Amino acid sequence: MKLLLTDSGIKNASIRDALVDLLGKPIAESRALCIPTAGYGAPEADPAGPWRFVSGRSPCPMTELEWKSVGVLELTALPSIEKEHWVSWVRKADVLLVNGGDALYLSHWMRESGLAELLPSLSHLVYVGFSAGSMVMTPRIGEDFVGWKPPTGGDSTLGLVDFSIFPHLDHPSCPENTMADAERWAAEIAAPAYAIDDQTAIKVVDGVVEVISEGHWRAFP
Protein backbone atom coordinates (compact mmCIF):
# COMPACT_ATOMS: atom_id res chain seq x y z
CA MET A 1 0.00 0.00 0.00
CA LYS A 2 1.18 3.48 -0.94
CA LEU A 3 0.19 6.42 1.25
CA LEU A 4 -0.46 10.09 0.58
CA LEU A 5 -1.26 11.63 3.94
CA THR A 6 -2.55 15.14 3.37
CA ASP A 7 -3.67 17.90 5.67
CA SER A 8 -6.52 19.14 3.49
CA GLY A 9 -6.74 17.03 0.35
CA ILE A 10 -5.23 17.63 -3.08
CA LYS A 11 -4.69 21.36 -2.58
CA ASN A 12 -1.91 22.15 -5.05
CA ALA A 13 -0.06 20.93 -8.12
CA SER A 14 2.76 19.32 -6.16
CA ILE A 15 0.38 17.12 -4.16
CA ARG A 16 -1.58 16.28 -7.30
CA ASP A 17 1.63 15.27 -9.09
CA ALA A 18 2.53 13.04 -6.15
CA LEU A 19 -0.89 11.39 -6.36
CA VAL A 20 -0.51 10.68 -10.09
CA ASP A 21 2.98 9.30 -9.47
CA LEU A 22 1.61 6.90 -6.83
CA LEU A 23 -1.26 5.81 -9.08
CA GLY A 24 1.10 5.16 -11.98
CA LYS A 25 -1.57 6.33 -14.41
CA PRO A 26 -3.85 9.34 -14.95
CA ILE A 27 -6.55 10.12 -12.40
CA ALA A 28 -9.11 9.77 -15.21
CA GLU A 29 -8.14 6.09 -15.56
CA SER A 30 -8.29 5.34 -11.82
CA ARG A 31 -11.16 3.91 -9.78
CA ALA A 32 -11.76 5.41 -6.35
CA LEU A 33 -13.63 4.38 -3.22
CA CYS A 34 -14.32 7.13 -0.72
CA ILE A 35 -14.70 6.51 3.02
CA PRO A 36 -16.81 9.19 4.79
CA THR A 37 -16.91 7.44 8.19
CA ALA A 38 -14.64 9.75 10.21
CA GLY A 39 -16.96 12.66 9.47
CA TYR A 40 -19.62 11.21 11.79
CA GLY A 41 -17.42 10.74 14.85
CA ALA A 42 -16.29 14.18 15.99
CA PRO A 43 -18.25 15.77 18.86
CA GLU A 44 -19.20 18.72 16.63
CA ALA A 45 -20.07 16.50 13.62
CA ASP A 46 -23.17 17.01 11.53
CA PRO A 47 -24.44 15.01 8.54
CA ALA A 48 -23.61 17.80 6.10
CA GLY A 49 -19.86 17.13 6.46
CA PRO A 50 -19.88 13.58 5.09
CA TRP A 51 -22.28 14.70 2.34
CA ARG A 52 -19.93 17.48 1.26
CA PHE A 53 -17.05 14.99 1.15
CA VAL A 54 -18.94 12.37 -0.86
CA SER A 55 -20.49 14.90 -3.24
CA GLY A 56 -17.22 16.70 -3.97
CA ARG A 57 -18.28 19.94 -2.26
CA SER A 58 -15.72 19.81 0.52
CA PRO A 59 -13.01 22.50 0.77
CA CYS A 60 -10.56 19.57 0.84
CA PRO A 61 -10.43 18.34 -2.79
CA MET A 62 -10.69 14.56 -3.06
CA THR A 63 -13.77 13.04 -4.68
CA GLU A 64 -14.25 15.89 -7.17
CA LEU A 65 -11.10 15.03 -9.10
CA GLU A 66 -11.80 13.51 -12.50
CA TRP A 67 -11.82 9.86 -11.39
CA LYS A 68 -12.91 7.11 -13.76
CA SER A 69 -15.41 6.11 -11.07
CA VAL A 70 -16.12 6.89 -7.42
CA GLY A 71 -17.93 4.63 -4.97
CA VAL A 72 -18.74 5.00 -1.27
CA LEU A 73 -17.37 2.53 1.29
CA GLU A 74 -19.10 3.20 4.62
CA LEU A 75 -17.17 1.28 7.28
CA THR A 76 -20.01 1.04 9.78
CA ALA A 77 -22.01 -0.96 7.21
CA LEU A 78 -19.29 -3.50 6.42
CA PRO A 79 -19.80 -5.86 9.39
CA SER A 80 -23.33 -6.56 8.08
CA ILE A 81 -22.12 -7.34 4.54
CA GLU A 82 -20.57 -10.60 3.38
CA LYS A 83 -16.82 -9.99 3.72
CA GLU A 84 -15.85 -11.46 0.36
CA HIS A 85 -18.27 -9.06 -1.29
CA TRP A 86 -16.87 -5.79 0.06
CA VAL A 87 -13.26 -7.02 -0.07
CA SER A 88 -13.73 -7.52 -3.82
CA TRP A 89 -14.73 -3.84 -4.10
CA VAL A 90 -11.56 -2.75 -2.32
CA ARG A 91 -9.32 -5.03 -4.39
CA LYS A 92 -10.74 -3.60 -7.62
CA ALA A 93 -10.13 0.00 -6.52
CA ASP A 94 -6.98 1.94 -7.37
CA VAL A 95 -7.33 4.41 -4.52
CA LEU A 96 -9.08 4.93 -1.19
CA LEU A 97 -10.06 8.53 -0.41
CA VAL A 98 -10.52 8.91 3.34
CA ASN A 99 -12.47 11.73 4.95
CA GLY A 100 -11.42 13.88 7.87
CA GLY A 101 -13.31 14.07 11.14
CA ASP A 102 -12.39 12.02 14.20
CA ALA A 103 -9.29 9.83 13.94
CA LEU A 104 -10.13 7.56 16.90
CA TYR A 105 -13.65 6.92 15.60
CA LEU A 106 -12.19 6.09 12.19
CA SER A 107 -9.55 3.83 13.74
CA HIS A 108 -12.24 1.97 15.70
CA TRP A 109 -14.34 1.30 12.61
CA MET A 110 -11.36 0.39 10.46
CA ARG A 111 -10.66 -2.36 12.97
CA GLU A 112 -14.29 -3.38 13.53
CA SER A 113 -14.98 -3.58 9.79
CA GLY A 114 -11.87 -5.64 9.03
CA LEU A 115 -10.41 -3.03 6.69
CA ALA A 116 -7.41 -2.34 8.94
CA GLU A 117 -6.39 -5.99 8.76
CA LEU A 118 -6.77 -6.02 4.97
CA LEU A 119 -4.87 -2.82 4.14
CA PRO A 120 -1.25 -4.05 4.52
CA SER A 121 -1.86 -6.77 1.92
CA LEU A 122 -2.98 -4.32 -0.77
CA SER A 123 0.31 -3.49 -2.43
CA HIS A 124 -1.39 -1.99 -5.52
CA LEU A 125 -3.62 0.38 -3.57
CA VAL A 126 -3.05 4.11 -3.01
CA TYR A 127 -4.42 5.42 0.28
CA VAL A 128 -5.16 9.16 0.36
CA GLY A 129 -6.33 10.69 3.61
CA PHE A 130 -6.86 14.19 4.86
CA SER A 131 -6.73 15.36 8.48
CA ALA A 132 -8.15 12.46 10.56
CA GLY A 133 -7.97 10.25 7.46
CA SER A 134 -4.20 10.76 7.57
CA MET A 135 -3.78 10.71 11.35
CA VAL A 136 -5.44 7.29 11.60
CA MET A 137 -2.40 5.70 9.92
CA THR A 138 -0.09 6.87 12.75
CA PRO A 139 0.69 5.16 16.07
CA ARG A 140 -1.08 7.81 18.20
CA ILE A 141 -2.63 11.25 17.84
CA GLY A 142 -1.90 12.86 21.22
CA GLU A 143 -4.40 14.03 23.84
CA ASP A 144 -4.95 17.34 22.04
CA PHE A 145 -6.84 15.55 19.27
CA VAL A 146 -8.94 13.14 21.34
CA GLY A 147 -12.64 13.77 20.73
CA TRP A 148 -14.61 10.55 20.42
CA LYS A 149 -13.38 8.15 23.10
CA PRO A 150 -12.87 4.51 22.08
CA PRO A 151 -13.99 1.70 24.40
CA THR A 152 -10.35 0.87 25.09
CA GLY A 153 -9.46 4.48 25.96
CA GLY A 154 -6.18 6.15 25.03
CA ASP A 155 -5.14 7.88 21.83
CA SER A 156 -3.70 4.96 19.84
CA THR A 157 -4.50 4.62 16.15
CA LEU A 158 -3.48 2.02 13.54
CA GLY A 159 0.30 2.48 13.52
CA LEU A 160 0.81 1.68 9.84
CA VAL A 161 3.47 4.40 9.76
CA ASP A 162 5.97 5.15 12.52
CA PHE A 163 5.33 8.88 12.93
CA SER A 164 2.49 11.06 14.20
CA ILE A 165 0.87 14.06 12.50
CA PHE A 166 -0.13 17.48 13.85
CA PRO A 167 -2.49 18.88 11.16
CA HIS A 168 -3.80 22.33 10.19
CA LEU A 169 -0.65 24.14 11.26
CA ASP A 170 -1.29 27.90 11.62
CA HIS A 171 -4.68 27.62 9.92
CA PRO A 172 -6.90 30.69 10.55
CA SER A 173 -9.82 28.51 11.67
CA CYS A 174 -7.62 26.58 14.13
CA PRO A 175 -6.08 29.20 16.46
CA GLU A 176 -4.98 26.41 18.79
CA ASN A 177 -2.75 24.89 16.07
CA THR A 178 0.25 27.23 16.20
CA MET A 179 3.84 26.09 15.93
CA ALA A 180 4.17 26.57 19.69
CA ASP A 181 1.20 24.23 20.16
CA ALA A 182 2.82 21.73 17.80
CA GLU A 183 6.06 21.85 19.79
CA ARG A 184 4.20 21.13 23.04
CA TRP A 185 2.25 18.31 21.36
CA ALA A 186 5.44 16.79 19.92
CA ALA A 187 7.08 16.80 23.36
CA GLU A 188 4.11 14.80 24.67
CA ILE A 189 4.24 12.37 21.73
CA ALA A 190 8.00 11.85 22.33
CA ALA A 191 8.38 9.99 19.02
CA PRO A 192 8.91 10.97 15.36
CA ALA A 193 6.24 13.43 14.22
CA TYR A 194 5.39 16.09 11.64
CA ALA A 195 3.44 19.32 11.85
CA ILE A 196 1.90 20.13 8.45
CA ASP A 197 -0.24 22.87 6.94
CA ASP A 198 -2.96 22.71 4.29
CA GLN A 199 -0.46 22.90 1.42
CA THR A 200 1.50 19.88 2.65
CA ALA A 201 1.27 16.10 2.36
CA ILE A 202 3.44 13.16 3.43
CA LYS A 203 4.12 10.47 0.85
CA VAL A 204 5.11 7.01 2.08
CA VAL A 205 6.20 4.17 -0.21
CA ASP A 206 7.87 1.02 1.12
CA GLY A 207 8.65 2.83 4.36
CA VAL A 208 10.36 5.76 2.62
CA VAL A 209 8.92 9.08 3.76
CA GLU A 210 8.87 12.21 1.57
CA VAL A 211 7.27 15.54 2.46
CA ILE A 212 5.45 17.20 -0.46
CA SER A 213 4.82 20.86 0.27
CA GLU A 214 4.07 24.26 -1.20
CA GLY A 215 3.48 25.55 2.32
CA HIS A 216 5.23 25.06 5.63
CA TRP A 217 5.85 22.12 7.88
CA ARG A 218 8.22 20.85 10.53
CA ALA A 219 9.68 17.49 11.44
CA PHE A 220 10.12 16.53 15.08
CA PRO A 221 12.74 13.78 15.40
C-alpha atoms as a PDB file:
ATOM      1  CA  MET A   1       0.000   0.000   0.000  1.00  0.00           C
ATOM      2  CA  LYS A   2       1.180   3.476  -0.942  1.00  0.00           C
ATOM      3  CA  LEU A   3       0.194   6.419   1.247  1.00  0.00           C
ATOM      4  CA  LEU A   4      -0.461  10.092   0.580  1.00  0.00           C
ATOM      5  CA  LEU A   5      -1.264  11.627   3.943  1.00  0.00           C
ATOM      6  CA  THR A   6      -2.551  15.136   3.366  1.00  0.00           C
ATOM      7  CA  ASP A   7      -3.674  17.897   5.671  1.00  0.00           C
ATOM      8  CA  SER A   8      -6.524  19.144   3.486  1.00  0.00           C
ATOM      9  CA  GLY A   9      -6.736  17.031   0.349  1.00  0.00           C
ATOM     10  CA  ILE A  10      -5.226  17.631  -3.081  1.00  0.00           C
ATOM     11  CA  LYS A  11      -4.694  21.362  -2.579  1.00  0.00           C
ATOM     12  CA  ASN A  12      -1.911  22.150  -5.048  1.00  0.00           C
ATOM     13  CA  ALA A  13      -0.063  20.932  -8.124  1.00  0.00           C
ATOM     14  CA  SER A  14       2.756  19.318  -6.158  1.00  0.00           C
ATOM     15  CA  ILE A  15       0.382  17.118  -4.162  1.00  0.00           C
ATOM     16  CA  ARG A  16      -1.579  16.282  -7.303  1.00  0.00           C
ATOM     17  CA  ASP A  17       1.632  15.271  -9.090  1.00  0.00           C
ATOM     18  CA  ALA A  18       2.532  13.039  -6.146  1.00  0.00           C
ATOM     19  CA  LEU A  19      -0.886  11.389  -6.365  1.00  0.00           C
ATOM     20  CA  VAL A  20      -0.505  10.677 -10.092  1.00  0.00           C
ATOM     21  CA  ASP A  21       2.975   9.296  -9.466  1.00  0.00           C
ATOM     22  CA  LEU A  22       1.610   6.904  -6.833  1.00  0.00           C
ATOM     23  CA  LEU A  23      -1.257   5.811  -9.078  1.00  0.00           C
ATOM     24  CA  GLY A  24       1.103   5.160 -11.981  1.00  0.00           C
ATOM     25  CA  LYS A  25      -1.569   6.333 -14.411  1.00  0.00           C
ATOM     26  CA  PRO A  26      -3.848   9.340 -14.947  1.00  0.00           C
ATOM     27  CA  ILE A  27      -6.551  10.124 -12.402  1.00  0.00           C
ATOM     28  CA  ALA A  28      -9.109   9.769 -15.209  1.00  0.00           C
ATOM     29  CA  GLU A  29      -8.138   6.089 -15.560  1.00  0.00           C
ATOM     30  CA  SER A  30      -8.293   5.337 -11.824  1.00  0.00           C
ATOM     31  CA  ARG A  31     -11.161   3.911  -9.783  1.00  0.00           C
ATOM     32  CA  ALA A  32     -11.760   5.406  -6.346  1.00  0.00           C
ATOM     33  CA  LEU A  33     -13.635   4.382  -3.221  1.00  0.00           C
ATOM     34  CA  CYS A  34     -14.318   7.132  -0.717  1.00  0.00           C
ATOM     35  CA  ILE A  35     -14.702   6.514   3.019  1.00  0.00           C
ATOM     36  CA  PRO A  36     -16.806   9.188   4.792  1.00  0.00           C
ATOM     37  CA  THR A  37     -16.906   7.440   8.190  1.00  0.00           C
ATOM     38  CA  ALA A  38     -14.639   9.752  10.215  1.00  0.00           C
ATOM     39  CA  GLY A  39     -16.961  12.656   9.470  1.00  0.00           C
ATOM     40  CA  TYR A  40     -19.617  11.213  11.786  1.00  0.00           C
ATOM     41  CA  GLY A  41     -17.425  10.741  14.846  1.00  0.00           C
ATOM     42  CA  ALA A  42     -16.295  14.179  15.994  1.00  0.00           C
ATOM     43  CA  PRO A  43     -18.246  15.774  18.864  1.00  0.00           C
ATOM     44  CA  GLU A  44     -19.202  18.716  16.630  1.00  0.00           C
ATOM     45  CA  ALA A  45     -20.066  16.497  13.619  1.00  0.00           C
ATOM     46  CA  ASP A  46     -23.169  17.014  11.526  1.00  0.00           C
ATOM     47  CA  PRO A  47     -24.437  15.008   8.535  1.00  0.00           C
ATOM     48  CA  ALA A  48     -23.605  17.800   6.096  1.00  0.00           C
ATOM     49  CA  GLY A  49     -19.864  17.134   6.464  1.00  0.00           C
ATOM     50  CA  PRO A  50     -19.879  13.581   5.086  1.00  0.00           C
ATOM     51  CA  TRP A  51     -22.282  14.703   2.342  1.00  0.00           C
ATOM     52  CA  ARG A  52     -19.925  17.481   1.257  1.00  0.00           C
ATOM     53  CA  PHE A  53     -17.054  14.992   1.147  1.00  0.00           C
ATOM     54  CA  VAL A  54     -18.941  12.374  -0.864  1.00  0.00           C
ATOM     55  CA  SER A  55     -20.493  14.900  -3.242  1.00  0.00           C
ATOM     56  CA  GLY A  56     -17.221  16.701  -3.970  1.00  0.00           C
ATOM     57  CA  ARG A  57     -18.279  19.939  -2.264  1.00  0.00           C
ATOM     58  CA  SER A  58     -15.719  19.812   0.519  1.00  0.00           C
ATOM     59  CA  PRO A  59     -13.006  22.497   0.773  1.00  0.00           C
ATOM     60  CA  CYS A  60     -10.563  19.574   0.836  1.00  0.00           C
ATOM     61  CA  PRO A  61     -10.432  18.340  -2.792  1.00  0.00           C
ATOM     62  CA  MET A  62     -10.687  14.563  -3.061  1.00  0.00           C
ATOM     63  CA  THR A  63     -13.772  13.043  -4.678  1.00  0.00           C
ATOM     64  CA  GLU A  64     -14.254  15.894  -7.166  1.00  0.00           C
ATOM     65  CA  LEU A  65     -11.101  15.026  -9.095  1.00  0.00           C
ATOM     66  CA  GLU A  66     -11.800  13.511 -12.501  1.00  0.00           C
ATOM     67  CA  TRP A  67     -11.821   9.856 -11.392  1.00  0.00           C
ATOM     68  CA  LYS A  68     -12.906   7.112 -13.762  1.00  0.00           C
ATOM     69  CA  SER A  69     -15.410   6.110 -11.068  1.00  0.00           C
ATOM     70  CA  VAL A  70     -16.124   6.894  -7.425  1.00  0.00           C
ATOM     71  CA  GLY A  71     -17.934   4.629  -4.966  1.00  0.00           C
ATOM     72  CA  VAL A  72     -18.744   4.996  -1.275  1.00  0.00           C
ATOM     73  CA  LEU A  73     -17.372   2.533   1.294  1.00  0.00           C
ATOM     74  CA  GLU A  74     -19.095   3.204   4.621  1.00  0.00           C
ATOM     75  CA  LEU A  75     -17.172   1.276   7.277  1.00  0.00           C
ATOM     76  CA  THR A  76     -20.009   1.041   9.785  1.00  0.00           C
ATOM     77  CA  ALA A  77     -22.014  -0.957   7.207  1.00  0.00           C
ATOM     78  CA  LEU A  78     -19.289  -3.497   6.417  1.00  0.00           C
ATOM     79  CA  PRO A  79     -19.803  -5.858   9.393  1.00  0.00           C
ATOM     80  CA  SER A  80     -23.330  -6.562   8.080  1.00  0.00           C
ATOM     81  CA  ILE A  81     -22.116  -7.339   4.538  1.00  0.00           C
ATOM     82  CA  GLU A  82     -20.568 -10.597   3.379  1.00  0.00           C
ATOM     83  CA  LYS A  83     -16.823  -9.989   3.722  1.00  0.00           C
ATOM     84  CA  GLU A  84     -15.848 -11.464   0.362  1.00  0.00           C
ATOM     85  CA  HIS A  85     -18.271  -9.063  -1.287  1.00  0.00           C
ATOM     86  CA  TRP A  86     -16.871  -5.792   0.061  1.00  0.00           C
ATOM     87  CA  VAL A  87     -13.262  -7.024  -0.072  1.00  0.00           C
ATOM     88  CA  SER A  88     -13.725  -7.522  -3.821  1.00  0.00           C
ATOM     89  CA  TRP A  89     -14.725  -3.840  -4.105  1.00  0.00           C
ATOM     90  CA  VAL A  90     -11.556  -2.752  -2.325  1.00  0.00           C
ATOM     91  CA  ARG A  91      -9.323  -5.027  -4.388  1.00  0.00           C
ATOM     92  CA  LYS A  92     -10.741  -3.604  -7.616  1.00  0.00           C
ATOM     93  CA  ALA A  93     -10.128  -0.001  -6.525  1.00  0.00           C
ATOM     94  CA  ASP A  94      -6.983   1.941  -7.370  1.00  0.00           C
ATOM     95  CA  VAL A  95      -7.328   4.415  -4.518  1.00  0.00           C
ATOM     96  CA  LEU A  96      -9.084   4.926  -1.192  1.00  0.00           C
ATOM     97  CA  LEU A  97     -10.061   8.525  -0.409  1.00  0.00           C
ATOM     98  CA  VAL A  98     -10.523   8.908   3.339  1.00  0.00           C
ATOM     99  CA  ASN A  99     -12.468  11.725   4.949  1.00  0.00           C
ATOM    100  CA  GLY A 100     -11.417  13.882   7.870  1.00  0.00           C
ATOM    101  CA  GLY A 101     -13.310  14.072  11.144  1.00  0.00           C
ATOM    102  CA  ASP A 102     -12.390  12.018  14.197  1.00  0.00           C
ATOM    103  CA  ALA A 103      -9.290   9.831  13.938  1.00  0.00           C
ATOM    104  CA  LEU A 104     -10.131   7.558  16.897  1.00  0.00           C
ATOM    105  CA  TYR A 105     -13.652   6.916  15.597  1.00  0.00           C
ATOM    106  CA  LEU A 106     -12.189   6.091  12.193  1.00  0.00           C
ATOM    107  CA  SER A 107      -9.551   3.825  13.742  1.00  0.00           C
ATOM    108  CA  HIS A 108     -12.235   1.967  15.701  1.00  0.00           C
ATOM    109  CA  TRP A 109     -14.343   1.304  12.610  1.00  0.00           C
ATOM    110  CA  MET A 110     -11.363   0.387  10.455  1.00  0.00           C
ATOM    111  CA  ARG A 111     -10.657  -2.363  12.970  1.00  0.00           C
ATOM    112  CA  GLU A 112     -14.290  -3.375  13.533  1.00  0.00           C
ATOM    113  CA  SER A 113     -14.975  -3.579   9.794  1.00  0.00           C
ATOM    114  CA  GLY A 114     -11.871  -5.644   9.029  1.00  0.00           C
ATOM    115  CA  LEU A 115     -10.408  -3.026   6.687  1.00  0.00           C
ATOM    116  CA  ALA A 116      -7.410  -2.337   8.941  1.00  0.00           C
ATOM    117  CA  GLU A 117      -6.388  -5.992   8.759  1.00  0.00           C
ATOM    118  CA  LEU A 118      -6.770  -6.025   4.974  1.00  0.00           C
ATOM    119  CA  LEU A 119      -4.871  -2.820   4.141  1.00  0.00           C
ATOM    120  CA  PRO A 120      -1.252  -4.054   4.518  1.00  0.00           C
ATOM    121  CA  SER A 121      -1.860  -6.774   1.916  1.00  0.00           C
ATOM    122  CA  LEU A 122      -2.985  -4.317  -0.771  1.00  0.00           C
ATOM    123  CA  SER A 123       0.313  -3.488  -2.427  1.00  0.00           C
ATOM    124  CA  HIS A 124      -1.390  -1.987  -5.516  1.00  0.00           C
ATOM    125  CA  LEU A 125      -3.616   0.385  -3.571  1.00  0.00           C
ATOM    126  CA  VAL A 126      -3.050   4.106  -3.012  1.00  0.00           C
ATOM    127  CA  TYR A 127      -4.422   5.424   0.278  1.00  0.00           C
ATOM    128  CA  VAL A 128      -5.157   9.160   0.362  1.00  0.00           C
ATOM    129  CA  GLY A 129      -6.332  10.692   3.609  1.00  0.00           C
ATOM    130  CA  PHE A 130      -6.863  14.188   4.860  1.00  0.00           C
ATOM    131  CA  SER A 131      -6.727  15.357   8.477  1.00  0.00           C
ATOM    132  CA  ALA A 132      -8.152  12.455  10.559  1.00  0.00           C
ATOM    133  CA  GLY A 133      -7.973  10.252   7.462  1.00  0.00           C
ATOM    134  CA  SER A 134      -4.203  10.757   7.569  1.00  0.00           C
ATOM    135  CA  MET A 135      -3.777  10.711  11.351  1.00  0.00           C
ATOM    136  CA  VAL A 136      -5.437   7.291  11.595  1.00  0.00           C
ATOM    137  CA  MET A 137      -2.401   5.704   9.922  1.00  0.00           C
ATOM    138  CA  THR A 138      -0.095   6.875  12.747  1.00  0.00           C
ATOM    139  CA  PRO A 139       0.686   5.161  16.068  1.00  0.00           C
ATOM    140  CA  ARG A 140      -1.079   7.808  18.195  1.00  0.00           C
ATOM    141  CA  ILE A 141      -2.632  11.246  17.837  1.00  0.00           C
ATOM    142  CA  GLY A 142      -1.904  12.863  21.216  1.00  0.00           C
ATOM    143  CA  GLU A 143      -4.402  14.027  23.843  1.00  0.00           C
ATOM    144  CA  ASP A 144      -4.955  17.343  22.044  1.00  0.00           C
ATOM    145  CA  PHE A 145      -6.840  15.554  19.269  1.00  0.00           C
ATOM    146  CA  VAL A 146      -8.938  13.141  21.337  1.00  0.00           C
ATOM    147  CA  GLY A 147     -12.636  13.771  20.725  1.00  0.00           C
ATOM    148  CA  TRP A 148     -14.614  10.551  20.415  1.00  0.00           C
ATOM    149  CA  LYS A 149     -13.382   8.151  23.097  1.00  0.00           C
ATOM    150  CA  PRO A 150     -12.872   4.514  22.081  1.00  0.00           C
ATOM    151  CA  PRO A 151     -13.992   1.696  24.403  1.00  0.00           C
ATOM    152  CA  THR A 152     -10.348   0.873  25.091  1.00  0.00           C
ATOM    153  CA  GLY A 153      -9.459   4.479  25.961  1.00  0.00           C
ATOM    154  CA  GLY A 154      -6.184   6.145  25.030  1.00  0.00           C
ATOM    155  CA  ASP A 155      -5.136   7.882  21.829  1.00  0.00           C
ATOM    156  CA  SER A 156      -3.704   4.963  19.838  1.00  0.00           C
ATOM    157  CA  THR A 157      -4.501   4.624  16.146  1.00  0.00           C
ATOM    158  CA  LEU A 158      -3.481   2.018  13.540  1.00  0.00           C
ATOM    159  CA  GLY A 159       0.298   2.481  13.520  1.00  0.00           C
ATOM    160  CA  LEU A 160       0.815   1.683   9.840  1.00  0.00           C
ATOM    161  CA  VAL A 161       3.473   4.402   9.762  1.00  0.00           C
ATOM    162  CA  ASP A 162       5.972   5.151  12.523  1.00  0.00           C
ATOM    163  CA  PHE A 163       5.327   8.876  12.933  1.00  0.00           C
ATOM    164  CA  SER A 164       2.487  11.061  14.203  1.00  0.00           C
ATOM    165  CA  ILE A 165       0.870  14.061  12.499  1.00  0.00           C
ATOM    166  CA  PHE A 166      -0.128  17.483  13.848  1.00  0.00           C
ATOM    167  CA  PRO A 167      -2.488  18.880  11.161  1.00  0.00           C
ATOM    168  CA  HIS A 168      -3.796  22.335  10.189  1.00  0.00           C
ATOM    169  CA  LEU A 169      -0.649  24.142  11.265  1.00  0.00           C
ATOM    170  CA  ASP A 170      -1.295  27.900  11.624  1.00  0.00           C
ATOM    171  CA  HIS A 171      -4.682  27.625   9.917  1.00  0.00           C
ATOM    172  CA  PRO A 172      -6.895  30.685  10.546  1.00  0.00           C
ATOM    173  CA  SER A 173      -9.819  28.510  11.674  1.00  0.00           C
ATOM    174  CA  CYS A 174      -7.619  26.578  14.131  1.00  0.00           C
ATOM    175  CA  PRO A 175      -6.081  29.204  16.457  1.00  0.00           C
ATOM    176  CA  GLU A 176      -4.980  26.408  18.792  1.00  0.00           C
ATOM    177  CA  ASN A 177      -2.751  24.894  16.074  1.00  0.00           C
ATOM    178  CA  THR A 178       0.245  27.226  16.203  1.00  0.00           C
ATOM    179  CA  MET A 179       3.837  26.087  15.930  1.00  0.00           C
ATOM    180  CA  ALA A 180       4.173  26.566  19.693  1.00  0.00           C
ATOM    181  CA  ASP A 181       1.202  24.226  20.163  1.00  0.00           C
ATOM    182  CA  ALA A 182       2.823  21.732  17.800  1.00  0.00           C
ATOM    183  CA  GLU A 183       6.065  21.845  19.794  1.00  0.00           C
ATOM    184  CA  ARG A 184       4.201  21.131  23.036  1.00  0.00           C
ATOM    185  CA  TRP A 185       2.246  18.311  21.358  1.00  0.00           C
ATOM    186  CA  ALA A 186       5.443  16.789  19.920  1.00  0.00           C
ATOM    187  CA  ALA A 187       7.075  16.798  23.358  1.00  0.00           C
ATOM    188  CA  GLU A 188       4.107  14.803  24.665  1.00  0.00           C
ATOM    189  CA  ILE A 189       4.242  12.374  21.726  1.00  0.00           C
ATOM    190  CA  ALA A 190       8.004  11.851  22.329  1.00  0.00           C
ATOM    191  CA  ALA A 191       8.377   9.989  19.018  1.00  0.00           C
ATOM    192  CA  PRO A 192       8.906  10.974  15.364  1.00  0.00           C
ATOM    193  CA  ALA A 193       6.243  13.435  14.218  1.00  0.00           C
ATOM    194  CA  TYR A 194       5.393  16.087  11.636  1.00  0.00           C
ATOM    195  CA  ALA A 195       3.435  19.324  11.853  1.00  0.00           C
ATOM    196  CA  ILE A 196       1.901  20.135   8.455  1.00  0.00           C
ATOM    197  CA  ASP A 197      -0.244  22.871   6.942  1.00  0.00           C
ATOM    198  CA  ASP A 198      -2.965  22.711   4.293  1.00  0.00           C
ATOM    199  CA  GLN A 199      -0.459  22.904   1.418  1.00  0.00           C
ATOM    200  CA  THR A 200       1.505  19.883   2.648  1.00  0.00           C
ATOM    201  CA  ALA A 201       1.272  16.100   2.362  1.00  0.00           C
ATOM    202  CA  ILE A 202       3.439  13.164   3.426  1.00  0.00           C
ATOM    203  CA  LYS A 203       4.118  10.472   0.846  1.00  0.00           C
ATOM    204  CA  VAL A 204       5.113   7.007   2.079  1.00  0.00           C
ATOM    205  CA  VAL A 205       6.196   4.173  -0.215  1.00  0.00           C
ATOM    206  CA  ASP A 206       7.865   1.020   1.117  1.00  0.00           C
ATOM    207  CA  GLY A 207       8.645   2.830   4.356  1.00  0.00           C
ATOM    208  CA  VAL A 208      10.365   5.756   2.622  1.00  0.00           C
ATOM    209  CA  VAL A 209       8.917   9.085   3.762  1.00  0.00           C
ATOM    210  CA  GLU A 210       8.867  12.208   1.570  1.00  0.00           C
ATOM    211  CA  VAL A 211       7.268  15.535   2.461  1.00  0.00           C
ATOM    212  CA  ILE A 212       5.448  17.199  -0.460  1.00  0.00           C
ATOM    213  CA  SER A 213       4.825  20.862   0.266  1.00  0.00           C
ATOM    214  CA  GLU A 214       4.072  24.262  -1.204  1.00  0.00           C
ATOM    215  CA  GLY A 215       3.484  25.554   2.318  1.00  0.00           C
ATOM    216  CA  HIS A 216       5.230  25.063   5.627  1.00  0.00           C
ATOM    217  CA  TRP A 217       5.848  22.121   7.885  1.00  0.00           C
ATOM    218  CA  ARG A 218       8.223  20.854  10.525  1.00  0.00           C
ATOM    219  CA  ALA A 219       9.681  17.486  11.437  1.00  0.00           C
ATOM    220  CA  PHE A 220      10.122  16.530  15.084  1.00  0.00           C
ATOM    221  CA  PRO A 221      12.740  13.777  15.399  1.00  0.00           C
END
